[in-house]
Amino acid sequence: MLNDPETLSNLEDAAGLKFIPSSEYDAMRVEIDEGPSRLAELREKIAQSTQEAEAKRTEVSTLLPQFEKLASESNLGLDKWCGACKWEHTSCDDRLAYVTKTYQRTEVLAKIEIMQKSPSCKNE
């Protein structure tokens, strides 16, 4: 009688329960039982990724002063970037952010392009 879908539906409604096949229940139980070990694996991956990110941040922080020194001493004129002055309806820094995001340019390349096209963005 429980194989009849209508009888099963009426029984589920009356009992306020949902009956599932034992194979489906076993699959759910296996997934639940494996949860803690899966969670431990993911936490380990997160910890490893966090350590890698911190190592990269440290590496970048040691190279940044050297980069800034080279950029300011170069013939590119990056040390003359005005940044805060107004360019049309926005600032040059906002324009820089737009160009880097829209055209996938690096900040250095975008500054060079902007200063070439708009000499007013260059402090003399």
N, C-alpha and C. Protein backbone atom coordinates (compact mmCIF):
# COMPACT_ATOMS: atom_id res chain seq x y z
N MET A 1 0.80 -1.18 0.00
CA MET A 1 0.00 0.00 0.00
C MET A 1 0.86 1.28 0.00
N LEU A 2 2.04 1.21 0.64
CA LEU A 2 2.91 2.37 0.68
C LEU A 2 3.58 2.65 -0.67
N ASN A 3 3.47 1.73 -1.60
CA ASN A 3 4.00 1.94 -2.94
C ASN A 3 3.07 2.81 -3.77
N ASP A 4 1.85 2.98 -3.34
CA ASP A 4 0.88 3.82 -4.05
C ASP A 4 1.22 5.28 -3.75
N PRO A 5 1.52 6.09 -4.77
CA PRO A 5 1.92 7.49 -4.56
C PRO A 5 0.86 8.32 -3.82
N GLU A 6 -0.41 8.08 -4.12
CA GLU A 6 -1.47 8.85 -3.46
C GLU A 6 -1.56 8.51 -1.98
N THR A 7 -1.46 7.22 -1.65
CA THR A 7 -1.50 6.80 -0.25
C THR A 7 -0.29 7.36 0.50
N LEU A 8 0.86 7.29 -0.12
CA LEU A 8 2.08 7.80 0.49
C LEU A 8 1.97 9.31 0.73
N SER A 9 1.43 10.05 -0.24
CA SER A 9 1.27 11.49 -0.10
C SER A 9 0.31 11.82 1.04
N ASN A 10 -0.81 11.08 1.14
CA ASN A 10 -1.78 11.30 2.22
C ASN A 10 -1.15 11.02 3.58
N LEU A 11 -0.36 9.97 3.66
CA LEU A 11 0.30 9.60 4.91
C LEU A 11 1.33 10.66 5.32
N GLU A 12 2.10 11.14 4.33
CA GLU A 12 3.07 12.19 4.62
C GLU A 12 2.38 13.46 5.13
N ASP A 13 1.27 13.83 4.47
CA ASP A 13 0.52 15.02 4.89
C ASP A 13 -0.03 14.86 6.30
N ALA A 14 -0.57 13.70 6.59
CA ALA A 14 -1.17 13.46 7.91
C ALA A 14 -0.11 13.43 9.01
N ALA A 15 1.06 12.88 8.70
CA ALA A 15 2.10 12.74 9.71
C ALA A 15 2.98 14.00 9.79
N GLY A 16 2.91 14.85 8.77
CA GLY A 16 3.77 16.03 8.73
C GLY A 16 5.22 15.67 8.48
N LEU A 17 5.43 14.56 7.80
CA LEU A 17 6.78 14.07 7.51
C LEU A 17 6.95 13.87 6.02
N LYS A 18 8.19 13.75 5.59
CA LYS A 18 8.48 13.44 4.21
C LYS A 18 9.26 12.14 4.19
N PHE A 19 8.72 11.13 3.56
CA PHE A 19 9.38 9.84 3.46
C PHE A 19 10.25 9.82 2.22
N ILE A 20 11.47 9.29 2.37
CA ILE A 20 12.39 9.16 1.25
C ILE A 20 12.88 7.74 1.17
N PRO A 21 13.31 7.32 -0.01
CA PRO A 21 13.84 5.96 -0.14
C PRO A 21 15.10 5.79 0.70
N SER A 22 15.35 4.58 1.15
CA SER A 22 16.50 4.33 2.02
C SER A 22 17.82 4.63 1.30
N SER A 23 17.88 4.42 0.00
CA SER A 23 19.12 4.73 -0.74
C SER A 23 19.41 6.23 -0.70
N GLU A 24 18.37 7.06 -0.81
CA GLU A 24 18.54 8.51 -0.74
C GLU A 24 18.95 8.92 0.68
N TYR A 25 18.33 8.27 1.67
CA TYR A 25 18.67 8.55 3.06
C TYR A 25 20.14 8.18 3.33
N ASP A 26 20.57 7.02 2.83
CA ASP A 26 21.96 6.59 3.04
C ASP A 26 22.95 7.57 2.40
N ALA A 27 22.61 8.07 1.21
CA ALA A 27 23.48 9.03 0.54
C ALA A 27 23.57 10.32 1.36
N MET A 28 22.45 10.77 1.91
CA MET A 28 22.45 11.98 2.74
C MET A 28 23.26 11.75 4.02
N ARG A 29 23.11 10.59 4.59
CA ARG A 29 23.82 10.28 5.83
C ARG A 29 25.33 10.26 5.60
N VAL A 30 25.77 9.68 4.47
CA VAL A 30 27.19 9.65 4.13
C VAL A 30 27.72 11.08 3.97
N GLU A 31 26.95 11.92 3.28
CA GLU A 31 27.36 13.31 3.08
C GLU A 31 27.47 14.05 4.41
N ILE A 32 26.54 13.82 5.30
CA ILE A 32 26.57 14.46 6.62
C ILE A 32 27.75 13.95 7.43
N ASP A 33 27.99 12.66 7.39
CA ASP A 33 29.10 12.08 8.15
C ASP A 33 30.46 12.55 7.64
N GLU A 34 30.56 12.81 6.34
CA GLU A 34 31.82 13.28 5.77
C GLU A 34 32.01 14.79 5.97
N GLY A 35 30.99 15.47 6.42
CA GLY A 35 31.04 16.92 6.59
C GLY A 35 32.19 17.43 7.44
N PRO A 36 32.39 16.89 8.65
CA PRO A 36 33.49 17.40 9.49
C PRO A 36 34.87 17.25 8.84
N SER A 37 35.11 16.11 8.18
CA SER A 37 36.42 15.95 7.55
C SER A 37 36.57 16.89 6.35
N ARG A 38 35.50 17.08 5.61
CA ARG A 38 35.52 18.02 4.48
C ARG A 38 35.75 19.45 4.98
N LEU A 39 35.10 19.78 6.07
CA LEU A 39 35.27 21.10 6.68
C LEU A 39 36.71 21.30 7.15
N ALA A 40 37.30 20.28 7.73
CA ALA A 40 38.69 20.37 8.18
C ALA A 40 39.62 20.58 6.98
N GLU A 41 39.37 19.89 5.87
CA GLU A 41 40.18 20.07 4.66
C GLU A 41 40.08 21.51 4.15
N LEU A 42 38.87 22.04 4.13
CA LEU A 42 38.67 23.40 3.64
C LEU A 42 39.33 24.43 4.56
N ARG A 43 39.25 24.19 5.87
CA ARG A 43 39.91 25.10 6.80
C ARG A 43 41.42 25.07 6.60
N GLU A 44 41.96 23.90 6.32
CA GLU A 44 43.40 23.77 6.07
C GLU A 44 43.79 24.53 4.80
N LYS A 45 42.95 24.41 3.76
CA LYS A 45 43.22 25.14 2.52
C LYS A 45 43.17 26.64 2.76
N ILE A 46 42.21 27.09 3.54
CA ILE A 46 42.09 28.52 3.85
C ILE A 46 43.33 28.99 4.60
N ALA A 47 43.77 28.21 5.59
CA ALA A 47 44.96 28.59 6.35
C ALA A 47 46.19 28.66 5.45
N GLN A 48 46.31 27.70 4.55
CA GLN A 48 47.44 27.68 3.62
C GLN A 48 47.38 28.89 2.68
N SER A 49 46.21 29.18 2.16
CA SER A 49 46.05 30.34 1.27
C SER A 49 46.34 31.64 2.01
N THR A 50 45.93 31.72 3.26
CA THR A 50 46.19 32.91 4.07
C THR A 50 47.69 33.09 4.26
N GLN A 51 48.40 32.00 4.54
CA GLN A 51 49.85 32.08 4.70
C GLN A 51 50.53 32.52 3.40
N GLU A 52 50.07 31.97 2.28
CA GLU A 52 50.64 32.35 0.98
C GLU A 52 50.39 33.83 0.69
N ALA A 53 49.18 34.30 0.99
CA ALA A 53 48.84 35.70 0.76
C ALA A 53 49.71 36.61 1.63
N GLU A 54 49.92 36.21 2.87
CA GLU A 54 50.75 37.01 3.77
C GLU A 54 52.20 37.04 3.28
N ALA A 55 52.69 35.93 2.76
CA ALA A 55 54.05 35.89 2.21
C ALA A 55 54.16 36.82 1.00
N LYS A 56 53.13 36.83 0.17
CA LYS A 56 53.13 37.72 -1.00
C LYS A 56 53.08 39.18 -0.56
N ARG A 57 52.27 39.49 0.46
CA ARG A 57 52.19 40.86 0.96
C ARG A 57 53.55 41.32 1.49
N THR A 58 54.22 40.43 2.20
CA THR A 58 55.55 40.75 2.72
C THR A 58 56.52 41.01 1.59
N GLU A 59 56.47 40.17 0.57
CA GLU A 59 57.35 40.32 -0.58
C GLU A 59 57.08 41.65 -1.29
N VAL A 60 55.81 41.98 -1.47
CA VAL A 60 55.46 43.23 -2.14
C VAL A 60 55.89 44.42 -1.30
N SER A 61 55.68 44.34 0.01
CA SER A 61 56.04 45.48 0.87
C SER A 61 57.55 45.75 0.86
N THR A 62 58.35 44.70 0.67
CA THR A 62 59.80 44.92 0.59
C THR A 62 60.20 45.50 -0.76
N LEU A 63 59.45 45.21 -1.81
CA LEU A 63 59.78 45.69 -3.14
C LEU A 63 59.18 47.06 -3.44
N LEU A 64 58.13 47.43 -2.74
CA LEU A 64 57.44 48.69 -3.03
C LEU A 64 58.32 49.92 -2.90
N PRO A 65 59.10 50.09 -1.85
CA PRO A 65 59.97 51.28 -1.79
C PRO A 65 60.96 51.35 -2.95
N GLN A 66 61.48 50.21 -3.33
CA GLN A 66 62.41 50.17 -4.46
C GLN A 66 61.69 50.57 -5.75
N PHE A 67 60.48 50.08 -5.93
CA PHE A 67 59.69 50.43 -7.11
C PHE A 67 59.40 51.93 -7.14
N GLU A 68 58.97 52.46 -6.00
CA GLU A 68 58.65 53.89 -5.94
C GLU A 68 59.88 54.75 -6.24
N LYS A 69 61.03 54.33 -5.74
CA LYS A 69 62.26 55.07 -6.00
C LYS A 69 62.60 55.03 -7.49
N LEU A 70 62.51 53.86 -8.09
CA LEU A 70 62.81 53.74 -9.52
C LEU A 70 61.80 54.52 -10.36
N ALA A 71 60.55 54.49 -9.96
CA ALA A 71 59.52 55.20 -10.72
C ALA A 71 59.73 56.71 -10.64
N SER A 72 60.12 57.20 -9.47
CA SER A 72 60.30 58.65 -9.32
C SER A 72 61.58 59.13 -10.01
N GLU A 73 62.58 58.27 -10.10
CA GLU A 73 63.85 58.67 -10.72
C GLU A 73 63.89 58.38 -12.22
N SER A 74 62.85 57.82 -12.74
CA SER A 74 62.86 57.44 -14.16
C SER A 74 62.62 58.66 -15.04
N ASN A 75 62.77 58.47 -16.31
CA ASN A 75 62.53 59.52 -17.29
C ASN A 75 61.05 59.62 -17.66
N LEU A 76 60.21 58.82 -17.01
CA LEU A 76 58.79 58.80 -17.33
C LEU A 76 58.05 60.01 -16.78
N GLY A 77 58.57 60.63 -15.76
CA GLY A 77 57.93 61.80 -15.18
C GLY A 77 56.78 61.47 -14.26
N LEU A 78 56.77 60.27 -13.71
CA LEU A 78 55.67 59.88 -12.83
C LEU A 78 55.62 60.70 -11.55
N ASP A 79 56.77 61.27 -11.18
CA ASP A 79 56.79 62.11 -9.97
C ASP A 79 56.09 63.44 -10.20
N LYS A 80 55.75 63.75 -11.45
CA LYS A 80 55.07 64.99 -11.77
C LYS A 80 53.55 64.82 -11.88
N TRP A 81 53.07 63.66 -11.56
CA TRP A 81 51.63 63.39 -11.63
C TRP A 81 50.89 64.29 -10.65
N CYS A 82 49.88 65.02 -11.13
CA CYS A 82 49.19 65.98 -10.27
C CYS A 82 48.17 65.29 -9.36
N GLY A 83 47.38 64.40 -9.90
CA GLY A 83 46.44 63.60 -9.11
C GLY A 83 45.19 64.30 -8.66
N ALA A 84 45.32 65.32 -7.84
CA ALA A 84 44.15 65.93 -7.21
C ALA A 84 43.53 67.05 -8.04
N CYS A 85 44.21 67.54 -9.06
CA CYS A 85 43.65 68.66 -9.81
C CYS A 85 42.40 68.21 -10.59
N LYS A 86 41.62 69.17 -10.99
CA LYS A 86 40.38 68.86 -11.70
C LYS A 86 40.66 68.67 -13.18
N TRP A 87 40.07 67.64 -13.73
CA TRP A 87 40.10 67.40 -15.16
C TRP A 87 38.65 67.28 -15.60
N GLU A 88 38.18 68.21 -16.36
CA GLU A 88 36.79 68.30 -16.75
C GLU A 88 35.90 68.23 -15.51
N HIS A 89 35.15 67.13 -15.32
CA HIS A 89 34.20 67.05 -14.20
C HIS A 89 34.71 66.19 -13.05
N THR A 90 35.95 65.78 -13.11
CA THR A 90 36.47 64.85 -12.11
C THR A 90 37.94 65.19 -11.83
N SER A 91 38.53 64.44 -10.90
CA SER A 91 39.96 64.66 -10.63
C SER A 91 40.79 63.72 -11.49
N CYS A 92 42.06 64.03 -11.59
CA CYS A 92 42.95 63.19 -12.38
C CYS A 92 43.09 61.79 -11.76
N ASP A 93 43.04 61.71 -10.44
CA ASP A 93 43.10 60.39 -9.79
C ASP A 93 41.88 59.55 -10.13
N ASP A 94 40.71 60.18 -10.18
CA ASP A 94 39.49 59.45 -10.58
C ASP A 94 39.58 59.00 -12.03
N ARG A 95 40.13 59.86 -12.85
CA ARG A 95 40.34 59.51 -14.26
C ARG A 95 41.30 58.33 -14.37
N LEU A 96 42.35 58.35 -13.56
CA LEU A 96 43.31 57.24 -13.54
C LEU A 96 42.62 55.93 -13.16
N ALA A 97 41.80 55.99 -12.13
CA ALA A 97 41.07 54.78 -11.69
C ALA A 97 40.17 54.27 -12.80
N TYR A 98 39.50 55.17 -13.50
CA TYR A 98 38.62 54.78 -14.60
C TYR A 98 39.41 54.12 -15.73
N VAL A 99 40.51 54.73 -16.11
CA VAL A 99 41.32 54.19 -17.22
C VAL A 99 41.89 52.82 -16.86
N THR A 100 42.41 52.67 -15.64
CA THR A 100 42.99 51.38 -15.25
C THR A 100 41.94 50.28 -15.22
N LYS A 101 40.74 50.61 -14.76
CA LYS A 101 39.68 49.59 -14.68
C LYS A 101 39.08 49.30 -16.04
N THR A 102 38.76 50.34 -16.79
CA THR A 102 38.07 50.16 -18.07
C THR A 102 38.95 49.54 -19.13
N TYR A 103 40.20 49.98 -19.20
CA TYR A 103 41.09 49.53 -20.27
C TYR A 103 42.15 48.54 -19.79
N GLN A 104 42.01 48.03 -18.58
CA GLN A 104 42.94 47.05 -18.00
C GLN A 104 44.40 47.48 -18.15
N ARG A 105 44.67 48.72 -17.81
CA ARG A 105 46.02 49.25 -17.85
C ARG A 105 46.61 49.19 -16.43
N THR A 106 47.91 49.09 -16.38
CA THR A 106 48.56 49.22 -15.08
C THR A 106 48.52 50.69 -14.71
N GLU A 107 48.70 50.99 -13.44
CA GLU A 107 48.64 52.38 -12.99
C GLU A 107 49.73 53.22 -13.65
N VAL A 108 50.91 52.66 -13.76
CA VAL A 108 52.03 53.39 -14.37
C VAL A 108 51.73 53.71 -15.83
N LEU A 109 51.30 52.71 -16.58
CA LEU A 109 51.00 52.92 -17.99
C LEU A 109 49.85 53.91 -18.17
N ALA A 110 48.84 53.82 -17.33
CA ALA A 110 47.71 54.74 -17.43
C ALA A 110 48.15 56.17 -17.13
N LYS A 111 48.99 56.36 -16.13
CA LYS A 111 49.48 57.71 -15.81
C LYS A 111 50.25 58.29 -17.00
N ILE A 112 51.10 57.48 -17.59
CA ILE A 112 51.88 57.94 -18.74
C ILE A 112 50.96 58.35 -19.88
N GLU A 113 49.98 57.52 -20.19
CA GLU A 113 49.05 57.82 -21.27
C GLU A 113 48.26 59.09 -20.99
N ILE A 114 47.78 59.23 -19.76
CA ILE A 114 46.99 60.41 -19.40
C ILE A 114 47.84 61.67 -19.48
N MET A 115 49.07 61.62 -18.96
CA MET A 115 49.94 62.80 -19.00
C MET A 115 50.32 63.17 -20.43
N GLN A 116 50.43 62.18 -21.33
CA GLN A 116 50.73 62.47 -22.72
C GLN A 116 49.56 63.15 -23.40
N LYS A 117 48.34 62.67 -23.10
CA LYS A 117 47.15 63.22 -23.75
C LYS A 117 46.71 64.54 -23.12
N SER A 118 46.96 64.70 -21.84
CA SER A 118 46.53 65.91 -21.14
C SER A 118 47.70 66.48 -20.33
N PRO A 119 48.46 67.36 -20.94
CA PRO A 119 49.62 67.94 -20.22
C PRO A 119 49.22 68.67 -18.95
N SER A 120 47.96 69.04 -18.80
CA SER A 120 47.54 69.73 -17.57
C SER A 120 47.57 68.80 -16.38
N CYS A 121 47.62 67.51 -16.59
CA CYS A 121 47.70 66.52 -15.50
C CYS A 121 49.13 66.30 -15.04
N LYS A 122 50.01 67.14 -15.52
CA LYS A 122 51.43 66.98 -15.21
C LYS A 122 51.93 68.26 -14.55
N ASN A 123 52.39 68.16 -13.33
CA ASN A 123 52.96 69.31 -12.63
C ASN A 123 54.34 69.60 -13.19
N GLU A 124 54.60 70.80 -13.50
CA GLU A 124 55.92 71.16 -14.02
C GLU A 124 56.80 71.70 -12.94
